[in-house]
Amino acid sequence: MIARVKVGAAGTHVGQEVDGQVTYVLSPQLRIVGGLAHIFPGGFLETATSGSPFTCPFVGATYTFATSF
């Protein structure tokens, strides 16, 4: 979703975000991460959207290729 206001100014404060994450190391090359992000809306999001807080889960993976110099 793209939040925007068609007319006038909506402010510049989007909001505050807090994240929590956990990392699990599967091998020296592979790490898995998961967590939650929570957004507390500021003036802009309160004007441009319904102004409700938003929580979003996330997952990711990092693979490090072996290098030899």
PDB file of N, CA and C in Angstrom:
ATOM      1  N   MET A   1       0.839  -1.179   0.000  1.00  0.00           N
ATOM      2  CA  MET A   1       0.000   0.000   0.000  1.00  0.00           C
ATOM      3  C   MET A   1       0.882   1.239   0.000  1.00  0.00           C
ATOM      4  N   ILE A   2       0.509   2.213  -0.767  1.00  0.00           N
ATOM      5  CA  ILE A   2       1.213   3.491  -0.792  1.00  0.00           C
ATOM      6  C   ILE A   2       0.310   4.520  -0.123  1.00  0.00           C
ATOM      7  N   ALA A   3       0.821   5.139   0.938  1.00  0.00           N
ATOM      8  CA  ALA A   3       0.051   6.152   1.658  1.00  0.00           C
ATOM      9  C   ALA A   3       0.393   7.520   1.096  1.00  0.00           C
ATOM     10  N   ARG A   4      -0.644   8.250   0.701  1.00  0.00           N
ATOM     11  CA  ARG A   4      -0.416   9.605   0.225  1.00  0.00           C
ATOM     12  C   ARG A   4      -1.655  10.449   0.475  1.00  0.00           C
ATOM     13  N   VAL A   5      -1.456  11.752   0.533  1.00  0.00           N
ATOM     14  CA  VAL A   5      -2.534  12.710   0.721  1.00  0.00           C
ATOM     15  C   VAL A   5      -2.633  13.532  -0.558  1.00  0.00           C
ATOM     16  N   LYS A   6      -3.823  13.593  -1.151  1.00  0.00           N
ATOM     17  CA  LYS A   6      -3.997  14.258  -2.444  1.00  0.00           C
ATOM     18  C   LYS A   6      -3.912  15.780  -2.347  1.00  0.00           C
ATOM     19  N   VAL A   7      -4.399  16.355  -1.245  1.00  0.00           N
ATOM     20  CA  VAL A   7      -4.451  17.813  -1.129  1.00  0.00           C
ATOM     21  C   VAL A   7      -3.835  18.236   0.198  1.00  0.00           C
ATOM     22  N   GLY A   8      -2.995  19.257   0.173  1.00  0.00           N
ATOM     23  CA  GLY A   8      -2.455  19.824   1.397  1.00  0.00           C
ATOM     24  C   GLY A   8      -1.311  19.013   1.981  1.00  0.00           C
ATOM     25  N   ALA A   9      -0.872  19.443   3.139  1.00  0.00           N
ATOM     26  CA  ALA A   9       0.244  18.795   3.832  1.00  0.00           C
ATOM     27  C   ALA A   9      -0.280  17.828   4.880  1.00  0.00           C
ATOM     28  N   ALA A  10       0.394  16.708   5.022  1.00  0.00           N
ATOM     29  CA  ALA A  10      -0.012  15.702   6.003  1.00  0.00           C
ATOM     30  C   ALA A  10       1.009  15.554   7.114  1.00  0.00           C
ATOM     31  N   GLY A  11       2.043  16.377   7.112  1.00  0.00           N
ATOM     32  CA  GLY A  11       3.084  16.273   8.120  1.00  0.00           C
ATOM     33  C   GLY A  11       4.244  15.425   7.624  1.00  0.00           C
ATOM     34  N   THR A  12       5.304  15.414   8.405  1.00  0.00           N
ATOM     35  CA  THR A  12       6.501  14.684   8.011  1.00  0.00           C
ATOM     36  C   THR A  12       6.835  13.539   8.951  1.00  0.00           C
ATOM     37  N   HIS A  13       6.124  13.420  10.057  1.00  0.00           N
ATOM     38  CA  HIS A  13       6.404  12.345  11.027  1.00  0.00           C
ATOM     39  C   HIS A  13       5.615  11.096  10.635  1.00  0.00           C
ATOM     40  N   VAL A  14       6.307  10.106  10.093  1.00  0.00           N
ATOM     41  CA  VAL A  14       5.651   8.872   9.659  1.00  0.00           C
ATOM     42  C   VAL A  14       5.246   8.042  10.858  1.00  0.00           C
ATOM     43  N   GLY A  15       6.132   7.896  11.843  1.00  0.00           N
ATOM     44  CA  GLY A  15       5.818   7.127  13.032  1.00  0.00           C
ATOM     45  C   GLY A  15       7.068   6.508  13.635  1.00  0.00           C
ATOM     46  N   GLN A  16       6.860   5.636  14.594  1.00  0.00           N
ATOM     47  CA  GLN A  16       7.942   4.924  15.266  1.00  0.00           C
ATOM     48  C   GLN A  16       7.785   3.434  14.979  1.00  0.00           C
ATOM     49  N   GLU A  17       8.910   2.745  14.917  1.00  0.00           N
ATOM     50  CA  GLU A  17       8.885   1.305  14.669  1.00  0.00           C
ATOM     51  C   GLU A  17       9.736   0.603  15.707  1.00  0.00           C
ATOM     52  N   VAL A  18       9.256  -0.544  16.127  1.00  0.00           N
ATOM     53  CA  VAL A  18      10.018  -1.396  17.040  1.00  0.00           C
ATOM     54  C   VAL A  18      10.079  -2.787  16.411  1.00  0.00           C
ATOM     55  N   ASP A  19      11.243  -3.399  16.433  1.00  0.00           N
ATOM     56  CA  ASP A  19      11.447  -4.725  15.849  1.00  0.00           C
ATOM     57  C   ASP A  19      11.987  -5.674  16.901  1.00  0.00           C
ATOM     58  N   GLY A  20      11.623  -6.928  16.759  1.00  0.00           N
ATOM     59  CA  GLY A  20      12.220  -8.005  17.539  1.00  0.00           C
ATOM     60  C   GLY A  20      12.582  -9.114  16.573  1.00  0.00           C
ATOM     61  N   GLN A  21      13.782  -9.662  16.720  1.00  0.00           N
ATOM     62  CA  GLN A  21      14.176 -10.703  15.792  1.00  0.00           C
ATOM     63  C   GLN A  21      15.013 -11.769  16.480  1.00  0.00           C
ATOM     64  N   VAL A  22      14.972 -12.944  15.875  1.00  0.00           N
ATOM     65  CA  VAL A  22      15.728 -14.100  16.349  1.00  0.00           C
ATOM     66  C   VAL A  22      16.515 -14.637  15.164  1.00  0.00           C
ATOM     67  N   THR A  23      17.779 -14.966  15.400  1.00  0.00           N
ATOM     68  CA  THR A  23      18.621 -15.537  14.349  1.00  0.00           C
ATOM     69  C   THR A  23      19.004 -16.949  14.739  1.00  0.00           C
ATOM     70  N   TYR A  24      18.883 -17.869  13.793  1.00  0.00           N
ATOM     71  CA  TYR A  24      19.266 -19.265  14.001  1.00  0.00           C
ATOM     72  C   TYR A  24      20.353 -19.611  12.990  1.00  0.00           C
ATOM     73  N   VAL A  25      21.481 -20.096  13.502  1.00  0.00           N
ATOM     74  CA  VAL A  25      22.598 -20.459  12.637  1.00  0.00           C
ATOM     75  C   VAL A  25      22.465 -21.930  12.273  1.00  0.00           C
ATOM     76  N   LEU A  26      22.209 -22.200  10.995  1.00  0.00           N
ATOM     77  CA  LEU A  26      22.086 -23.584  10.517  1.00  0.00           C
ATOM     78  C   LEU A  26      23.448 -24.195  10.194  1.00  0.00           C
ATOM     79  N   SER A  27      24.360 -23.371   9.681  1.00  0.00           N
ATOM     80  CA  SER A  27      25.709 -23.813   9.340  1.00  0.00           C
ATOM     81  C   SER A  27      26.592 -22.569   9.333  1.00  0.00           C
ATOM     82  N   PRO A  28      27.905 -22.729   9.194  1.00  0.00           N
ATOM     83  CA  PRO A  28      28.757 -21.531   9.126  1.00  0.00           C
ATOM     84  C   PRO A  28      28.390 -20.588   7.973  1.00  0.00           C
ATOM     85  N   GLN A  29      27.753 -21.110   6.934  1.00  0.00           N
ATOM     86  CA  GLN A  29      27.386 -20.266   5.798  1.00  0.00           C
ATOM     87  C   GLN A  29      25.935 -19.788   5.820  1.00  0.00           C
ATOM     88  N   LEU A  30      25.043 -20.472   6.510  1.00  0.00           N
ATOM     89  CA  LEU A  30      23.610 -20.191   6.404  1.00  0.00           C
ATOM     90  C   LEU A  30      22.999 -19.789   7.743  1.00  0.00           C
ATOM     91  N   ARG A  31      22.345 -18.620   7.743  1.00  0.00           N
ATOM     92  CA  ARG A  31      21.622 -18.112   8.917  1.00  0.00           C
ATOM     93  C   ARG A  31      20.187 -17.809   8.511  1.00  0.00           C
ATOM     94  N   ILE A  32      19.261 -18.132   9.402  1.00  0.00           N
ATOM     95  CA  ILE A  32      17.836 -17.842   9.210  1.00  0.00           C
ATOM     96  C   ILE A  32      17.438 -16.824  10.275  1.00  0.00           C
ATOM     97  N   VAL A  33      16.660 -15.829   9.878  1.00  0.00           N
ATOM     98  CA  VAL A  33      16.195 -14.817  10.816  1.00  0.00           C
ATOM     99  C   VAL A  33      14.675 -14.692  10.696  1.00  0.00           C
ATOM    100  N   GLY A  34      14.025 -14.457  11.811  1.00  0.00           N
ATOM    101  CA  GLY A  34      12.582 -14.235  11.829  1.00  0.00           C
ATOM    102  C   GLY A  34      12.239 -13.268  12.945  1.00  0.00           C
ATOM    103  N   GLY A  35      11.116 -12.590  12.808  1.00  0.00           N
ATOM    104  CA  GLY A  35      10.735 -11.654  13.853  1.00  0.00           C
ATOM    105  C   GLY A  35       9.452 -10.921  13.539  1.00  0.00           C
ATOM    106  N   LEU A  36       9.221  -9.872  14.325  1.00  0.00           N
ATOM    107  CA  LEU A  36       8.040  -9.026  14.189  1.00  0.00           C
ATOM    108  C   LEU A  36       8.462  -7.563  14.146  1.00  0.00           C
ATOM    109  N   ALA A  37       7.793  -6.792  13.309  1.00  0.00           N
ATOM    110  CA  ALA A  37       7.959  -5.345  13.269  1.00  0.00           C
ATOM    111  C   ALA A  37       6.611  -4.719  13.612  1.00  0.00           C
ATOM    112  N   HIS A  38       6.619  -3.695  14.457  1.00  0.00           N
ATOM    113  CA  HIS A  38       5.380  -3.016  14.840  1.00  0.00           C
ATOM    114  C   HIS A  38       5.558  -1.521  14.597  1.00  0.00           C
ATOM    115  N   ILE A  39       4.614  -0.922  13.880  1.00  0.00           N
ATOM    116  CA  ILE A  39       4.665   0.506  13.569  1.00  0.00           C
ATOM    117  C   ILE A  39       3.584   1.230  14.370  1.00  0.00           C
ATOM    118  N   PHE A  40       4.023   2.260  15.104  1.00  0.00           N
ATOM    119  CA  PHE A  40       3.120   3.167  15.797  1.00  0.00           C
ATOM    120  C   PHE A  40       2.982   4.396  14.893  1.00  0.00           C
ATOM    121  N   PRO A  41       1.807   4.637  14.316  1.00  0.00           N
ATOM    122  CA  PRO A  41       1.679   5.698  13.314  1.00  0.00           C
ATOM    123  C   PRO A  41       1.874   7.094  13.895  1.00  0.00           C
ATOM    124  N   GLY A  42       2.548   7.929  13.110  1.00  0.00           N
ATOM    125  CA  GLY A  42       2.713   9.343  13.442  1.00  0.00           C
ATOM    126  C   GLY A  42       1.695  10.183  12.696  1.00  0.00           C
ATOM    127  N   GLY A  43       1.926  11.469  12.662  1.00  0.00           N
ATOM    128  CA  GLY A  43       0.974  12.394  12.047  1.00  0.00           C
ATOM    129  C   GLY A  43       0.682  12.101  10.585  1.00  0.00           C
ATOM    130  N   PHE A  44       1.712  11.756   9.800  1.00  0.00           N
ATOM    131  CA  PHE A  44       1.490  11.486   8.384  1.00  0.00           C
ATOM    132  C   PHE A  44       0.597  10.274   8.185  1.00  0.00           C
ATOM    133  N   LEU A  45       0.918   9.151   8.833  1.00  0.00           N
ATOM    134  CA  LEU A  45       0.111   7.934   8.658  1.00  0.00           C
ATOM    135  C   LEU A  45      -1.296   8.096   9.222  1.00  0.00           C
ATOM    136  N   GLU A  46      -1.444   8.876  10.283  1.00  0.00           N
ATOM    137  CA  GLU A  46      -2.784   9.112  10.823  1.00  0.00           C
ATOM    138  C   GLU A  46      -3.648   9.903   9.846  1.00  0.00           C
ATOM    139  N   THR A  47      -3.029  10.796   9.064  1.00  0.00           N
ATOM    140  CA  THR A  47      -3.769  11.586   8.088  1.00  0.00           C
ATOM    141  C   THR A  47      -3.994  10.817   6.791  1.00  0.00           C
ATOM    142  N   ALA A  48      -2.970  10.110   6.321  1.00  0.00           N
ATOM    143  CA  ALA A  48      -3.020   9.470   5.007  1.00  0.00           C
ATOM    144  C   ALA A  48      -3.693   8.099   5.017  1.00  0.00           C
ATOM    145  N   THR A  49      -3.801   7.462   6.193  1.00  0.00           N
ATOM    146  CA  THR A  49      -4.412   6.136   6.300  1.00  0.00           C
ATOM    147  C   THR A  49      -5.441   6.163   7.424  1.00  0.00           C
ATOM    148  N   SER A  50      -5.871   4.980   7.832  1.00  0.00           N
ATOM    149  CA  SER A  50      -6.828   4.911   8.952  1.00  0.00           C
ATOM    150  C   SER A  50      -6.168   5.227  10.286  1.00  0.00           C
ATOM    151  N   GLY A  51      -4.829   5.261  10.323  1.00  0.00           N
ATOM    152  CA  GLY A  51      -4.119   5.601  11.550  1.00  0.00           C
ATOM    153  C   GLY A  51      -3.955   4.452  12.516  1.00  0.00           C
ATOM    154  N   SER A  52      -4.251   3.237  12.082  1.00  0.00           N
ATOM    155  CA  SER A  52      -4.137   2.073  12.957  1.00  0.00           C
ATOM    156  C   SER A  52      -2.689   1.592  13.044  1.00  0.00           C
ATOM    157  N   PRO A  53      -2.256   1.120  14.222  1.00  0.00           N
ATOM    158  CA  PRO A  53      -0.929   0.505  14.322  1.00  0.00           C
ATOM    159  C   PRO A  53      -0.876  -0.736  13.436  1.00  0.00           C
ATOM    160  N   PHE A  54       0.325  -1.136  13.054  1.00  0.00           N
ATOM    161  CA  PHE A  54       0.491  -2.240  12.128  1.00  0.00           C
ATOM    162  C   PHE A  54       1.603  -3.151  12.617  1.00  0.00           C
ATOM    163  N   THR A  55       1.334  -4.460  12.640  1.00  0.00           N
ATOM    164  CA  THR A  55       2.340  -5.453  13.013  1.00  0.00           C
ATOM    165  C   THR A  55       2.575  -6.377  11.828  1.00  0.00           C
ATOM    166  N   CYS A  56       3.844  -6.630  11.536  1.00  0.00           N
ATOM    167  CA  CYS A  56       4.204  -7.429  10.366  1.00  0.00           C
ATOM    168  C   CYS A  56       5.277  -8.456  10.733  1.00  0.00           C
ATOM    169  N   PRO A  57       4.999  -9.743  10.521  1.00  0.00           N
ATOM    170  CA  PRO A  57       6.050 -10.749  10.720  1.00  0.00           C
ATOM    171  C   PRO A  57       7.000 -10.752   9.522  1.00  0.00           C
ATOM    172  N   PHE A  58       8.248 -11.164   9.763  1.00  0.00           N
ATOM    173  CA  PHE A  58       9.189 -11.265   8.653  1.00  0.00           C
ATOM    174  C   PHE A  58      10.129 -12.445   8.860  1.00  0.00           C
ATOM    175  N   VAL A  59      10.625 -12.971   7.763  1.00  0.00           N
ATOM    176  CA  VAL A  59      11.636 -14.033   7.772  1.00  0.00           C
ATOM    177  C   VAL A  59      12.677 -13.698   6.702  1.00  0.00           C
ATOM    178  N   GLY A  60      13.859 -14.215   6.893  1.00  0.00           N
ATOM    179  CA  GLY A  60      14.913 -13.986   5.912  1.00  0.00           C
ATOM    180  C   GLY A  60      16.010 -15.009   6.076  1.00  0.00           C
ATOM    181  N   ALA A  61      16.884 -15.055   5.112  1.00  0.00           N
ATOM    182  CA  ALA A  61      18.016 -15.974   5.145  1.00  0.00           C
ATOM    183  C   ALA A  61      19.244 -15.258   4.605  1.00  0.00           C
ATOM    184  N   THR A  62      20.379 -15.596   5.170  1.00  0.00           N
ATOM    185  CA  THR A  62      21.651 -15.071   4.695  1.00  0.00           C
ATOM    186  C   THR A  62      22.573 -16.242   4.405  1.00  0.00           C
ATOM    187  N   TYR A  63      23.103 -16.263   3.196  1.00  0.00           N
ATOM    188  CA  TYR A  63      24.073 -17.298   2.830  1.00  0.00           C
ATOM    189  C   TYR A  63      25.386 -16.606   2.491  1.00  0.00           C
ATOM    190  N   THR A  64      26.452 -17.044   3.118  1.00  0.00           N
ATOM    191  CA  THR A  64      27.779 -16.479   2.875  1.00  0.00           C
ATOM    192  C   THR A  64      28.574 -17.475   2.039  1.00  0.00           C
ATOM    193  N   PHE A  65      28.974 -17.047   0.861  1.00  0.00           N
ATOM    194  CA  PHE A  65      29.773 -17.903   0.002  1.00  0.00           C
ATOM    195  C   PHE A  65      31.203 -17.978   0.534  1.00  0.00           C
ATOM    196  N   ALA A  66      31.773 -19.146   0.471  1.00  0.00           N
ATOM    197  CA  ALA A  66      33.156 -19.330   0.925  1.00  0.00           C
ATOM    198  C   ALA A  66      34.103 -18.610  -0.024  1.00  0.00           C
ATOM    199  N   THR A  67      35.030 -17.881   0.549  1.00  0.00           N
ATOM    200  CA  THR A  67      36.022 -17.210  -0.272  1.00  0.00           C
ATOM    201  C   THR A  67      37.404 -17.596   0.208  1.00  0.00           C
ATOM    202  N   SER A  68      38.305 -17.694  -0.708  1.00  0.00           N
ATOM    203  CA  SER A  68      39.692 -17.969  -0.346  1.00  0.00           C
ATOM    204  C   SER A  68      40.576 -17.017  -1.118  1.00  0.00           C
ATOM    205  N   PHE A  69      41.420 -16.325  -0.405  1.00  0.00           N
ATOM    206  CA  PHE A  69      42.311 -15.339  -1.028  1.00  0.00           C
ATOM    207  C   PHE A  69      43.742 -15.791  -0.907  1.00  0.00           C
TER     208      PHE A  69
END
